[in-house]
Amino acid sequence: MLRNFVKRSRFLSYSCLSSWVNHIFFGRYYKTMERAVVRCVPSESKLTISFTLDGSQKHMLRDQNEELGKVLARISNGIIKAQNKTKKSKKNQCNDPSTAIAPTVTLHYKGDYVANKVPNVDAWQDGAVLHVGEVRYKIERNPPVFTTAELPVALMAGFPICPKLEVEFGDLSHCIFRWYKQSAANEDSWVEAGAERVLTPSNGDIGLKVKLKCTPGNDAKYGVAKELVSKIIEAGPGACTFDSRHPYTQNVTDDSTLRVVSYNILADIYAQTDLSKTVLYPYCAPYALGVDYRQNLIKKELVGYNADIICLQEVDKGVFSDSLSPALDAFGMQGVFRIKEKQHEGLATYFRKSKLQLLSQHDVILSEALKNDSVHLPLLDSLSKNLTLSEKVTQRSTTLQVTVFQPLGDASKPICVANTHLYWHPKGGNIRLIQIAIALRHLKQVVSVEYPGASLLFLGDFNSSPSSGVFQLLSQGCVPATHPDWTSGGPEEQCPMELNNPFKLQSACGEPAYTNYVGAFHGCLDYIFTEPQILSVEQVIPMPNHQEVTTHHALPSVSHPSDHIALVCDLKWK
C-alpha cells in the first residue's frame, strides 16, 4: 500500500509524504502505547516508576539522583529472570539449552535517546517514551491521582452523599464526577443520576445502590478514573428538627455579613457508652445513636445553614477527618481541628474559603497556659492559696481553640474566633470561672499583641446557665468575689476573687430557654459572644419549637443527632 502510494505521489513534497507516514503509522501506534507512571516529588529523595509488563504490575523505587542506565539495566535483568523462571517451571524443558535473551531497554524524549548517565530526576520527563523490546510506554510524570476515594458507609434518601476524596497532583475543582444509580434492585444496569461532586438520593432510590465514577484532574490533564459502588440506600427519618430552620439560611451571605454557627454535636465516644444508652438517653432508639446515622443528619444540617464560620464541640477525630471535612469541603468550607489531651474528641472550626483567609492559630490547653504563661501569674498566685481547687483546675484538659481570619474583601478587619467547651460538672462553677478567666486573658494577648484591632468572636459550649458567674463575666464584664459559683465545689474549694473581662461582649442569640435538652435536664449552656461595637446582630435563626424537640421525648432522637441544639446567627460588620 505504501509503495503504491509513493509511486502515485512522486510529485508530492517530501515533507508532505513524511507527515502522512507519521500520521498513519506512528500516530496510530502511539495511541496504543502502554502507560507508565512516574511519581517524582522534589521534597523526597526517591521516585517511583509503575508500569505493567507481561501482565504483571511493576513498581520500582529508585533514587532521584541515580543514573538512568542503572534503572534500564534493572528492568532488562528483571525480564531475563522472569523468563528463566518460566522456563524452569515448564515440564520436559530440563534439557533445553536455550537461554533468555536480554531485551533492549531505552528511554526516548522528543525523539532522542536519553543518555544513560542522566539522573532519574531529569530523565523521566512527562511525555517521554520507554522502549522495552517491542513494547512502548508513554511516561506520565506526576499525573493527578486519587490517594483516597471512599463513599460513606450508610446512605439515606434525602441526605447528601459526600465522598471522601484526596487527590495528589490535582485539584478537586478540576475533577470530573459522574453518578449512576441502579435501574432496578439486584441488577447490574445503571442510569446516569448526576454530574456534581455531591449526590442527594431521593425516596425513589431506596433499596438501590449508586455508583460514582470520578476522574482526577488538574488544569492541564486528567488521570485514571476510579469507580465506587455504594451500599443500598435506606429510608431517611422523615422530618428533622432543623428542616424548619433551613428556609432562613437558603443563601450564602454577602461580604458585609457573617453567618456563624456554634454546635456541640455529641461525640460518638460518649453516645456509644452503656451509660448513654441506659441512663442518659434511654428514650433514643439505639440505631439513632450510631455514628453513621447521626453523621448523615449532622452533615445535612450543617450544609443547610450555608454558614461562613462553624464552631463545633465534641468532635471525634475520625469524624472530623473522614466525615465532616470531606462533606463541608464539597460546599466550600475548610476546617481546623484541636484534639483534647488524653481524649479522642476535640474542637473544630470551619470557615468559608471564598470569604475568609486563615491567618494563624493560637490554641492552648487552659491548665497548661495557667502554669506556663506569665500573663496568668496573678491568677495563679491567687489560686495557689487553695491547693484542692488548684489541683482540680490543673488536671483538666479543657482546650481553647483560637483561629484568626481575615476577610478576603477587606484586610483591615481581622477577626479572632475562639471556640471552647468548658468543664462539664454541675458543681464545677468555680472551676469554669477560672477557666474562662484564663481564656479571656489569652485572647486579650492575641488581639492586642498579635493582631491589634482584631474583633473577637467567642463561641462554644460553656456549660453555664444565664445565672452563672461565667455568663455574668462574659456579658456584664465583671463577677464579684461574692458570686455563689465560688462556693459551688464546697468549703474545701473556696477561693473567691473578683474577675474582670477585658472585652465588651454580648450574647448574639440572647438567652434561649434551652440549648441542651435531655431527659433529666434542659437549659441554656451554649452561646455566641460578639463585640457589638464591631459586629451587630442582623438575624438570629429561630430555634426548633418545643414540639419538634420533644416529639421523641428529648434529645438526641431519630430526628435530631445531638443532645444540644445549634445556635445560628447573622452578624453584620459596622
Protein backbone atom coordinates (compact mmCIF):
# COMPACT_ATOMS: atom_id res chain seq x y z
CA MET A 1 0.00 0.00 0.00
CA LEU A 2 2.71 2.45 0.99
CA ARG A 3 4.80 1.57 -2.12
CA ASN A 4 1.88 2.23 -4.46
CA PHE A 5 1.10 5.48 -2.69
CA VAL A 6 4.70 6.64 -3.03
CA LYS A 7 4.67 5.86 -6.77
CA ARG A 8 1.46 7.84 -7.25
CA SER A 9 2.76 10.66 -5.06
CA ARG A 10 6.18 11.27 -6.69
CA PHE A 11 5.31 14.91 -7.17
CA LEU A 12 4.38 15.46 -3.51
CA SER A 13 6.92 17.22 -1.37
CA TYR A 14 9.00 15.11 0.96
CA SER A 15 7.60 16.93 4.00
CA CYS A 16 4.00 16.16 2.99
CA LEU A 17 4.82 12.49 2.47
CA SER A 18 6.71 12.27 5.75
CA SER A 19 3.82 13.91 7.57
CA TRP A 20 1.38 11.40 6.08
CA VAL A 21 3.51 8.42 7.07
CA ASN A 22 3.87 9.68 10.64
CA HIS A 23 0.15 10.25 10.88
CA ILE A 24 -0.86 6.84 9.54
CA PHE A 25 1.72 4.68 11.25
CA PHE A 26 3.24 6.43 14.24
CA GLY A 27 0.06 8.26 15.20
CA ARG A 28 -1.88 5.02 15.23
CA TYR A 29 0.94 3.26 17.05
CA TYR A 30 1.37 5.80 19.83
CA LYS A 31 -2.32 5.79 20.56
CA THR A 32 -1.95 2.16 21.58
CA MET A 33 1.12 2.68 23.74
CA GLU A 34 1.11 1.32 27.27
CA ARG A 35 1.07 3.68 30.24
CA ALA A 36 3.94 4.18 32.70
CA VAL A 37 3.50 6.47 35.69
CA VAL A 38 6.40 8.27 37.35
CA ARG A 39 5.91 9.92 40.72
CA CYS A 40 8.68 12.40 41.46
CA VAL A 41 8.36 14.92 44.30
CA PRO A 42 11.18 17.42 44.98
CA SER A 43 10.90 17.01 48.76
CA GLU A 44 11.54 13.25 48.53
CA SER A 45 14.82 11.50 47.75
CA LYS A 46 13.29 8.69 45.69
CA LEU A 47 10.91 8.43 42.76
CA THR A 48 8.62 5.58 41.75
CA ILE A 49 8.12 4.08 38.29
CA SER A 50 4.99 1.99 37.75
CA PHE A 51 4.05 0.04 34.63
CA THR A 52 2.63 -3.31 33.54
CA LEU A 53 4.94 -5.87 31.90
CA ASP A 54 3.77 -9.27 30.66
CA GLY A 55 0.60 -8.90 32.74
CA SER A 56 2.50 -8.16 35.95
CA GLN A 57 2.39 -4.77 37.66
CA LYS A 58 5.86 -3.36 38.33
CA HIS A 59 6.66 -0.73 40.97
CA MET A 60 10.24 0.49 41.10
CA LEU A 61 11.51 2.75 43.88
CA ARG A 62 14.75 4.46 42.84
CA ASP A 63 16.98 7.30 43.98
CA GLN A 64 16.27 10.51 42.12
CA ASN A 65 19.97 11.15 41.58
CA GLU A 66 20.74 7.63 40.36
CA GLU A 67 21.86 7.30 36.73
CA LEU A 68 19.15 6.28 34.27
CA GLY A 69 21.27 3.40 32.92
CA LYS A 70 21.03 1.51 36.20
CA VAL A 71 17.23 1.58 36.11
CA LEU A 72 17.10 0.43 32.50
CA ALA A 73 19.51 -2.41 33.29
CA ARG A 74 17.36 -3.39 36.27
CA ILE A 75 14.30 -3.60 34.01
CA SER A 76 16.19 -5.74 31.47
CA ASN A 77 17.61 -8.08 34.14
CA GLY A 78 14.19 -8.46 35.67
CA ILE A 79 12.78 -9.66 32.35
CA ILE A 80 15.59 -12.20 31.98
CA LYS A 81 14.98 -13.57 35.48
CA ALA A 82 11.27 -13.87 34.78
CA GLN A 83 11.93 -15.71 31.50
CA ASN A 84 14.36 -18.15 33.13
CA LYS A 85 11.92 -18.81 35.95
CA THR A 86 9.20 -19.57 33.44
CA LYS A 87 11.45 -21.98 31.55
CA LYS A 88 12.36 -23.87 34.71
CA SER A 89 8.75 -24.27 35.70
CA LYS A 90 7.77 -25.91 32.42
CA LYS A 91 7.83 -29.67 32.26
CA ASN A 92 10.15 -31.53 29.85
CA GLN A 93 12.34 -28.48 29.40
CA CYS A 94 15.26 -29.61 31.56
CA ASN A 95 17.42 -30.46 28.51
CA ASP A 96 16.66 -27.23 26.63
CA PRO A 97 19.99 -25.44 26.26
CA SER A 98 18.41 -22.13 25.17
CA THR A 99 18.90 -19.08 27.36
CA ALA A 100 16.86 -15.91 27.72
CA ILE A 101 17.86 -13.00 25.54
CA ALA A 102 18.08 -9.61 27.16
CA PRO A 103 15.62 -7.14 25.58
CA THR A 104 16.74 -3.70 24.56
CA VAL A 105 15.51 -1.15 27.10
CA THR A 106 15.89 2.53 26.26
CA LEU A 107 14.24 5.84 27.09
CA HIS A 108 13.45 8.49 24.47
CA TYR A 109 12.36 12.08 24.84
CA LYS A 110 11.19 14.22 21.93
CA GLY A 111 12.58 11.66 19.50
CA ASP A 112 16.07 11.49 21.02
CA TYR A 113 17.73 8.87 23.19
CA VAL A 114 18.12 9.84 26.82
CA ALA A 115 21.72 9.17 27.84
CA ASN A 116 22.32 6.52 30.50
CA LYS A 117 24.27 8.97 32.66
CA VAL A 118 21.33 11.38 33.04
CA PRO A 119 19.96 11.28 36.64
CA ASN A 120 16.48 9.86 37.09
CA VAL A 121 15.03 13.18 38.21
CA ASP A 122 15.87 14.69 34.80
CA ALA A 123 15.44 11.60 32.64
CA TRP A 124 11.84 10.62 33.35
CA GLN A 125 10.04 13.57 31.79
CA ASP A 126 6.35 13.80 31.06
CA GLY A 127 5.78 12.58 27.50
CA ALA A 128 8.97 10.54 27.27
CA VAL A 129 8.73 7.04 25.79
CA LEU A 130 10.14 3.91 27.41
CA HIS A 131 11.10 1.14 24.95
CA VAL A 132 11.15 -2.37 26.41
CA GLY A 133 11.85 -4.65 23.49
CA GLU A 134 8.96 -4.08 21.12
CA VAL A 135 6.69 -2.61 23.79
CA ARG A 136 6.38 1.16 24.17
CA TYR A 137 5.29 3.04 27.26
CA LYS A 138 4.31 6.67 27.36
CA ILE A 139 5.62 8.31 30.52
CA GLU A 140 3.15 10.25 32.63
CA ARG A 141 5.03 12.21 35.23
CA ASN A 142 3.01 13.16 38.30
CA PRO A 143 -0.44 12.69 36.76
CA PRO A 144 -3.38 13.58 39.03
CA VAL A 145 -4.37 10.56 41.11
CA PHE A 146 -6.80 9.87 43.93
CA THR A 147 -4.93 8.81 47.04
CA THR A 148 -8.25 8.38 48.85
CA ALA A 149 -11.64 7.68 47.29
CA GLU A 150 -14.41 6.37 49.53
CA LEU A 151 -18.18 6.58 49.83
CA PRO A 152 -19.89 6.83 53.23
CA VAL A 153 -20.91 3.56 54.81
CA ALA A 154 -24.54 4.47 55.50
CA LEU A 155 -26.65 6.28 52.89
CA MET A 156 -30.17 7.60 53.37
CA ALA A 157 -32.70 9.02 50.94
CA GLY A 158 -32.90 12.79 51.18
CA PHE A 159 -29.43 13.15 52.70
CA PRO A 160 -26.36 14.24 50.67
CA ILE A 161 -23.74 11.66 49.71
CA CYS A 162 -20.36 13.33 50.14
CA PRO A 163 -17.45 11.11 49.05
CA LYS A 164 -14.15 11.32 50.86
CA LEU A 165 -11.65 12.29 48.16
CA GLU A 166 -8.00 13.24 48.34
CA VAL A 167 -6.11 13.95 45.13
CA GLU A 168 -2.37 14.25 44.53
CA PHE A 169 -1.06 16.45 41.69
CA GLY A 170 -4.56 17.69 41.10
CA ASP A 171 -7.44 19.69 42.45
CA LEU A 172 -10.96 18.54 43.21
CA SER A 173 -12.31 21.56 41.34
CA HIS A 174 -10.81 20.10 38.12
CA CYS A 175 -12.03 16.54 38.69
CA ILE A 176 -14.91 15.01 36.75
CA PHE A 177 -17.77 13.33 38.60
CA ARG A 178 -20.42 11.05 37.14
CA TRP A 179 -23.07 9.46 39.36
CA TYR A 180 -25.16 6.47 38.36
CA LYS A 181 -27.96 4.59 40.10
CA GLN A 182 -29.24 1.11 39.59
CA SER A 183 -32.15 0.89 37.19
CA ALA A 184 -33.60 -1.85 39.41
CA ALA A 185 -32.57 -3.71 42.56
CA ASN A 186 -30.08 -6.56 42.13
CA GLU A 187 -29.39 -5.57 38.52
CA ASP A 188 -26.05 -4.55 37.07
CA SER A 189 -27.54 -1.88 34.84
CA TRP A 190 -27.05 1.78 35.65
CA VAL A 191 -28.58 5.08 34.62
CA GLU A 192 -26.86 8.44 34.96
CA ALA A 193 -28.01 10.34 38.05
CA GLY A 194 -25.79 13.42 38.33
CA ALA A 195 -22.57 15.20 37.43
CA GLU A 196 -21.72 17.07 40.63
CA ARG A 197 -19.39 16.17 43.47
CA VAL A 198 -22.34 15.51 45.81
CA LEU A 199 -25.49 13.49 45.11
CA THR A 200 -28.68 13.51 47.17
CA PRO A 201 -30.70 10.35 46.52
CA SER A 202 -34.49 10.51 46.52
CA ASN A 203 -37.10 8.24 48.08
CA GLY A 204 -37.35 6.53 44.73
CA ASP A 205 -33.79 5.30 45.19
CA ILE A 206 -34.50 3.40 48.42
CA GLY A 207 -33.30 -0.18 48.05
CA LEU A 208 -30.93 0.67 45.21
CA LYS A 209 -27.21 1.31 45.00
CA VAL A 210 -25.41 4.26 43.46
CA LYS A 211 -22.07 4.34 41.67
CA LEU A 212 -19.58 7.19 41.36
CA LYS A 213 -17.08 7.38 38.52
CA CYS A 214 -14.60 10.07 39.44
CA THR A 215 -11.70 11.20 37.27
CA PRO A 216 -8.82 13.09 38.94
CA GLY A 217 -7.66 16.21 37.13
CA ASN A 218 -5.71 19.42 37.25
CA ASP A 219 -5.66 22.43 34.93
CA ALA A 220 -3.60 20.52 32.34
CA LYS A 221 -4.60 16.85 32.28
CA TYR A 222 -6.62 14.02 33.76
CA GLY A 223 -5.61 10.82 35.49
CA VAL A 224 -7.19 7.37 35.66
CA ALA A 225 -10.81 7.26 36.82
CA LYS A 226 -11.98 5.32 39.86
CA GLU A 227 -15.35 3.68 40.31
CA LEU A 228 -17.00 3.45 43.72
CA VAL A 229 -20.17 1.46 44.36
CA SER A 230 -22.27 2.20 47.43
CA LYS A 231 -24.22 0.03 49.78
CA ILE A 232 -28.01 0.03 49.48
CA ILE A 233 -29.74 3.35 50.11
CA GLU A 234 -32.03 3.24 53.14
CA ALA A 235 -35.06 5.29 54.09
CA GLY A 236 -34.46 8.53 55.98
CA PRO A 237 -36.21 9.61 59.20
CA GLY A 238 -38.63 11.99 57.54
CA ALA A 239 -38.89 15.50 59.02
CA CYS A 240 -35.92 16.62 61.15
CA THR A 241 -35.75 19.40 63.75
CA PHE A 242 -33.51 21.52 61.53
CA ASP A 243 -35.77 21.41 58.47
CA SER A 244 -37.79 24.37 59.75
CA ARG A 245 -34.58 26.40 60.23
CA HIS A 246 -33.09 25.95 56.76
CA PRO A 247 -35.53 28.30 54.98
CA TYR A 248 -33.86 31.15 56.91
CA THR A 249 -30.40 30.18 55.58
CA GLN A 250 -31.02 29.25 51.98
CA ASN A 251 -28.35 31.58 50.59
CA VAL A 252 -24.74 32.38 51.46
CA THR A 253 -24.44 35.86 52.98
CA ASP A 254 -22.71 38.75 51.19
CA ASP A 255 -19.35 40.25 52.19
CA SER A 256 -20.94 42.63 54.71
CA THR A 257 -22.29 39.76 56.80
CA LEU A 258 -21.01 36.64 58.56
CA ARG A 259 -23.25 33.69 59.33
CA VAL A 260 -21.98 31.92 62.43
CA VAL A 261 -22.84 28.53 63.95
CA SER A 262 -21.93 27.02 67.33
CA TYR A 263 -22.86 23.39 67.92
CA ASN A 264 -21.97 20.60 70.34
CA ILE A 265 -22.56 17.60 68.07
CA LEU A 266 -22.22 14.87 70.77
CA ALA A 267 -19.07 12.82 70.37
CA ASP A 268 -19.54 9.21 69.34
CA ILE A 269 -17.29 8.06 72.18
CA TYR A 270 -19.93 9.39 74.58
CA ALA A 271 -23.04 8.42 72.59
CA GLN A 272 -22.00 4.75 72.44
CA THR A 273 -21.39 4.14 76.15
CA ASP A 274 -23.68 1.95 78.25
CA LEU A 275 -24.33 4.99 80.43
CA SER A 276 -25.63 6.93 77.45
CA LYS A 277 -27.83 4.09 76.19
CA THR A 278 -29.35 3.13 79.54
CA VAL A 279 -29.24 6.26 81.73
CA LEU A 280 -28.64 9.46 79.76
CA TYR A 281 -30.61 8.72 76.57
CA PRO A 282 -32.73 5.58 77.21
CA TYR A 283 -35.55 7.14 75.16
CA CYS A 284 -33.42 7.28 71.98
CA ALA A 285 -33.61 4.36 69.55
CA PRO A 286 -30.22 2.57 69.62
CA TYR A 287 -29.72 2.88 65.84
CA ALA A 288 -30.22 6.65 66.10
CA LEU A 289 -27.21 6.84 68.44
CA GLY A 290 -24.96 5.19 65.83
CA VAL A 291 -22.29 7.43 64.38
CA ASP A 292 -23.15 6.75 60.73
CA TYR A 293 -26.81 7.56 61.25
CA ARG A 294 -26.09 10.73 63.23
CA GLN A 295 -23.45 11.90 60.78
CA ASN A 296 -25.99 11.83 57.96
CA LEU A 297 -28.18 14.21 59.95
CA ILE A 298 -25.32 16.43 61.12
CA LYS A 299 -23.90 16.88 57.63
CA LYS A 300 -27.28 17.76 56.15
CA GLU A 301 -27.99 20.19 58.98
CA LEU A 302 -24.64 21.99 58.74
CA VAL A 303 -24.68 22.18 54.93
CA GLY A 304 -28.17 23.68 55.04
CA TYR A 305 -27.05 26.60 57.21
CA ASN A 306 -24.74 27.97 54.46
CA ALA A 307 -22.54 29.35 57.23
CA ASP A 308 -19.29 31.30 56.99
CA ILE A 309 -17.93 30.16 60.37
CA ILE A 310 -18.87 26.92 62.15
CA CYS A 311 -17.52 26.11 65.61
CA LEU A 312 -18.14 22.55 66.78
CA GLN A 313 -17.54 20.86 70.10
CA GLU A 314 -17.26 17.14 70.94
CA VAL A 315 -15.90 16.25 67.51
CA ASP A 316 -14.39 12.77 67.24
CA LYS A 317 -11.02 12.78 65.49
CA GLY A 318 -12.20 10.29 62.86
CA VAL A 319 -15.46 12.17 62.33
CA PHE A 320 -13.53 15.35 61.57
CA SER A 321 -11.22 13.76 59.00
CA ASP A 322 -13.43 11.09 57.45
CA SER A 323 -16.92 12.57 57.52
CA LEU A 324 -17.31 16.27 58.27
CA SER A 325 -14.32 17.66 56.39
CA PRO A 326 -15.00 15.84 53.09
CA ALA A 327 -18.65 16.90 53.25
CA LEU A 328 -18.10 20.54 54.16
CA ASP A 329 -15.20 20.86 51.72
CA ALA A 330 -17.61 19.96 48.93
CA PHE A 331 -19.60 23.04 49.93
CA GLY A 332 -16.67 25.44 50.13
CA MET A 333 -15.67 25.04 53.78
CA GLN A 334 -12.24 24.28 55.24
CA GLY A 335 -11.64 23.14 58.80
CA VAL A 336 -9.04 23.06 61.55
CA PHE A 337 -9.11 20.64 64.46
CA ARG A 338 -7.78 20.69 68.01
CA ILE A 339 -8.00 17.45 69.96
CA LYS A 340 -8.22 17.45 73.74
CA GLU A 341 -5.27 15.98 75.60
CA LYS A 342 -5.96 12.38 76.69
CA GLN A 343 -9.24 12.40 74.74
CA HIS A 344 -10.43 11.17 71.35
CA GLU A 345 -12.61 14.22 70.73
CA GLY A 346 -11.99 17.92 70.45
CA LEU A 347 -12.89 21.21 68.81
CA ALA A 348 -13.34 22.01 65.12
CA THR A 349 -13.62 25.38 63.40
CA TYR A 350 -14.71 25.56 59.75
CA PHE A 351 -14.66 28.65 57.54
CA ARG A 352 -15.88 29.58 54.06
CA LYS A 353 -12.85 29.71 51.76
CA SER A 354 -14.44 32.20 49.36
CA LYS A 355 -14.86 34.80 52.13
CA LEU A 356 -12.16 34.23 54.75
CA GLN A 357 -8.42 33.58 54.82
CA LEU A 358 -6.86 31.74 57.75
CA LEU A 359 -4.01 33.82 59.19
CA SER A 360 -2.88 31.91 62.27
CA GLN A 361 -3.83 29.62 65.14
CA HIS A 362 -3.25 30.20 68.85
CA ASP A 363 -4.75 27.13 70.56
CA VAL A 364 -3.99 26.45 74.23
CA ILE A 365 -4.78 23.93 76.92
CA LEU A 366 -6.09 26.23 79.64
CA SER A 367 -4.36 24.45 82.53
CA GLU A 368 -1.01 24.50 80.69
CA ALA A 369 -1.40 28.18 79.85
CA LEU A 370 -2.11 28.95 83.51
CA LYS A 371 1.13 27.27 84.60
CA ASN A 372 3.42 28.39 81.79
CA ASP A 373 2.32 31.82 80.55
CA SER A 374 3.44 34.75 82.69
CA VAL A 375 0.33 36.72 81.79
CA HIS A 376 -1.58 34.42 84.16
CA LEU A 377 0.75 34.84 87.16
CA PRO A 378 -1.67 36.99 89.24
CA LEU A 379 -4.41 34.40 88.75
CA LEU A 380 -2.00 31.54 89.51
CA ASP A 381 -0.89 33.27 92.74
CA SER A 382 -4.49 33.69 93.89
CA LEU A 383 -5.32 30.09 93.02
CA SER A 384 -2.28 28.75 94.87
CA LYS A 385 -3.99 29.72 98.16
CA ASN A 386 -6.29 26.71 97.72
CA LEU A 387 -4.37 23.62 96.70
CA THR A 388 -7.51 21.48 96.33
CA LEU A 389 -9.04 23.81 93.76
CA SER A 390 -5.65 24.42 92.12
CA GLU A 391 -5.17 20.69 91.61
CA LYS A 392 -8.64 20.26 90.11
CA VAL A 393 -8.08 23.12 87.67
CA THR A 394 -4.65 21.92 86.53
CA GLN A 395 -5.89 18.35 85.98
CA ARG A 396 -8.46 19.41 83.41
CA SER A 397 -7.73 19.02 79.68
CA THR A 398 -10.12 21.82 78.69
CA THR A 399 -8.91 23.47 75.50
CA LEU A 400 -9.35 26.83 73.83
CA GLN A 401 -9.20 26.77 70.04
CA VAL A 402 -8.22 30.20 68.68
CA THR A 403 -8.16 30.93 64.95
CA VAL A 404 -7.54 34.32 63.35
CA PHE A 405 -9.13 35.08 59.97
CA GLN A 406 -9.07 37.94 57.52
CA PRO A 407 -11.98 38.72 55.20
CA LEU A 408 -10.79 38.35 51.62
CA GLY A 409 -12.60 41.54 50.69
CA ASP A 410 -11.17 43.70 53.48
CA ALA A 411 -7.74 43.10 55.03
CA SER A 412 -8.43 45.76 57.68
CA LYS A 413 -10.93 43.55 59.55
CA PRO A 414 -9.11 40.61 61.14
CA ILE A 415 -11.36 38.51 63.34
CA CYS A 416 -10.28 36.27 66.20
CA VAL A 417 -12.58 33.24 66.52
CA ALA A 418 -12.43 31.40 69.85
CA ASN A 419 -14.06 28.01 70.36
CA THR A 420 -14.23 26.14 73.66
CA HIS A 421 -16.02 23.51 75.72
CA LEU A 422 -15.72 24.26 79.45
CA TYR A 423 -15.70 21.78 82.32
CA TRP A 424 -18.97 19.87 82.49
CA HIS A 425 -19.63 19.06 86.18
CA PRO A 426 -22.78 20.70 87.64
CA LYS A 427 -20.82 21.59 90.79
CA GLY A 428 -17.84 22.93 88.84
CA GLY A 429 -18.90 26.57 88.55
CA ASN A 430 -15.76 27.70 90.38
CA ILE A 431 -13.53 25.74 88.00
CA ARG A 432 -15.32 27.19 84.98
CA LEU A 433 -14.75 30.71 86.33
CA ILE A 434 -11.01 30.06 86.50
CA GLN A 435 -11.07 28.54 83.01
CA ILE A 436 -12.90 31.47 81.44
CA ALA A 437 -10.55 33.93 83.16
CA ILE A 438 -7.57 32.13 81.59
CA ALA A 439 -9.29 32.10 78.20
CA LEU A 440 -10.08 35.83 78.27
CA ARG A 441 -6.52 36.81 79.19
CA HIS A 442 -5.11 34.61 76.44
CA LEU A 443 -7.49 36.13 73.91
CA LYS A 444 -6.57 39.62 75.03
CA GLN A 445 -2.94 38.81 74.28
CA VAL A 446 -3.83 37.61 70.79
CA VAL A 447 -5.90 40.65 69.81
CA SER A 448 -3.69 43.27 71.49
CA VAL A 449 -0.21 41.92 70.73
CA GLU A 450 -0.52 39.61 67.71
CA TYR A 451 -3.38 41.33 65.87
CA PRO A 452 -4.10 44.80 67.28
CA GLY A 453 -7.59 45.90 66.39
CA ALA A 454 -8.91 42.42 65.66
CA SER A 455 -12.51 41.76 66.70
CA LEU A 456 -13.41 38.82 68.94
CA LEU A 457 -15.98 36.13 68.30
CA PHE A 458 -16.25 33.72 71.25
CA LEU A 459 -18.36 30.58 70.75
CA GLY A 460 -18.86 27.26 72.42
CA ASP A 461 -20.47 25.05 75.00
CA PHE A 462 -19.74 26.98 78.20
CA ASN A 463 -21.72 24.55 80.39
CA SER A 464 -23.01 27.66 82.13
CA SER A 465 -26.56 28.93 82.56
CA PRO A 466 -27.50 32.64 82.25
CA SER A 467 -27.39 32.90 86.06
CA SER A 468 -23.82 31.60 86.24
CA GLY A 469 -20.70 33.55 87.05
CA VAL A 470 -19.27 32.69 83.63
CA PHE A 471 -22.22 34.26 81.80
CA GLN A 472 -22.14 37.30 84.07
CA LEU A 473 -18.41 37.80 83.47
CA LEU A 474 -18.77 37.49 79.72
CA SER A 475 -21.91 39.59 79.28
CA GLN A 476 -21.59 42.15 82.10
CA GLY A 477 -17.81 42.46 82.30
CA CYS A 478 -17.28 41.60 85.97
CA VAL A 479 -18.03 38.86 88.51
CA PRO A 480 -17.61 39.65 92.23
CA ALA A 481 -15.91 37.50 94.83
CA THR A 482 -19.33 37.01 96.39
CA HIS A 483 -20.86 35.18 93.43
CA PRO A 484 -22.38 31.82 94.50
CA ASP A 485 -20.34 29.92 91.91
CA TRP A 486 -17.21 30.42 94.02
CA THR A 487 -18.77 28.07 96.61
CA SER A 488 -20.11 25.51 94.10
CA GLY A 489 -17.40 22.97 94.95
CA GLY A 490 -17.94 23.09 98.71
CA PRO A 491 -15.96 24.74 101.55
CA GLU A 492 -12.71 22.95 100.71
CA GLU A 493 -12.62 24.51 97.23
CA GLN A 494 -13.41 28.13 98.07
CA CYS A 495 -11.09 30.67 96.53
CA PRO A 496 -13.24 33.75 95.91
CA MET A 497 -11.85 36.59 93.80
CA GLU A 498 -13.13 39.36 91.60
CA LEU A 499 -12.68 38.79 87.88
CA ASN A 500 -12.90 41.34 85.07
CA ASN A 501 -13.49 40.90 81.36
CA PRO A 502 -11.18 42.97 79.10
CA PHE A 503 -13.77 42.76 76.29
CA LYS A 504 -17.25 44.24 75.94
CA LEU A 505 -19.32 41.28 74.80
CA GLN A 506 -22.95 40.38 74.25
CA SER A 507 -24.74 37.09 73.64
CA ALA A 508 -25.74 37.34 69.99
CA CYS A 509 -28.54 34.78 70.35
CA GLY A 510 -29.72 36.11 73.70
CA GLU A 511 -30.70 33.60 76.35
CA PRO A 512 -32.69 30.76 74.74
CA ALA A 513 -34.89 28.68 77.03
CA TYR A 514 -32.56 25.79 76.35
CA THR A 515 -29.74 24.72 74.05
CA ASN A 516 -29.41 21.32 75.74
CA TYR A 517 -32.47 19.10 76.22
CA VAL A 518 -32.14 15.61 77.68
CA GLY A 519 -34.47 13.51 79.78
CA ALA A 520 -33.20 14.73 83.15
CA PHE A 521 -32.18 18.32 82.28
CA HIS A 522 -32.82 21.18 79.96
CA GLY A 523 -31.17 24.58 79.98
CA CYS A 524 -29.13 27.15 78.09
CA LEU A 525 -25.45 26.20 78.05
CA ASP A 526 -24.23 27.37 74.62
CA TYR A 527 -23.53 30.91 73.43
CA ILE A 528 -22.13 33.07 70.66
CA PHE A 529 -20.48 36.16 72.16
CA THR A 530 -19.65 39.14 69.95
CA GLU A 531 -18.33 42.66 70.29
CA PRO A 532 -21.46 44.67 69.40
CA GLN A 533 -19.48 47.80 68.56
CA ILE A 534 -17.88 45.87 65.66
CA LEU A 535 -20.42 43.21 64.65
CA SER A 536 -24.15 43.82 65.05
CA VAL A 537 -26.73 41.04 65.09
CA GLU A 538 -28.70 41.07 61.85
CA GLN A 539 -30.63 37.81 62.24
CA VAL A 540 -30.96 35.05 64.82
CA ILE A 541 -32.19 31.82 63.25
CA PRO A 542 -35.21 30.62 65.28
CA MET A 543 -34.69 27.57 67.46
CA PRO A 544 -36.79 24.45 66.77
CA ASN A 545 -40.13 24.73 68.52
CA HIS A 546 -40.78 22.78 71.71
CA GLN A 547 -43.00 20.24 69.96
CA GLU A 548 -40.25 19.39 67.48
CA VAL A 549 -37.71 18.97 70.29
CA THR A 550 -39.97 16.74 72.40
CA THR A 551 -41.64 14.67 69.65
CA HIS A 552 -39.43 11.74 70.68
CA HIS A 553 -39.35 12.78 74.36
CA ALA A 554 -35.96 14.51 74.34
CA LEU A 555 -32.63 14.80 72.50
CA PRO A 556 -30.92 13.09 70.76
CA SER A 557 -33.59 11.35 68.71
CA VAL A 558 -34.23 9.84 65.29
CA SER A 559 -34.84 13.38 64.00
CA HIS A 560 -32.07 15.23 65.87
CA PRO A 561 -28.44 14.00 66.06
CA SER A 562 -27.23 15.61 69.30
CA ASP A 563 -28.37 16.43 72.81
CA HIS A 564 -27.57 20.08 72.02
CA ILE A 565 -29.19 22.47 69.54
CA ALA A 566 -27.11 24.56 67.16
CA LEU A 567 -27.01 28.33 67.59
CA VAL A 568 -27.09 30.18 64.27
CA CYS A 569 -26.99 33.92 63.65
CA ASP A 570 -26.04 36.50 61.02
CA LEU A 571 -23.61 39.25 62.08
CA LYS A 572 -23.11 42.44 60.12
CA TRP A 573 -19.89 44.44 60.02
CA LYS A 574 -20.28 48.01 61.25
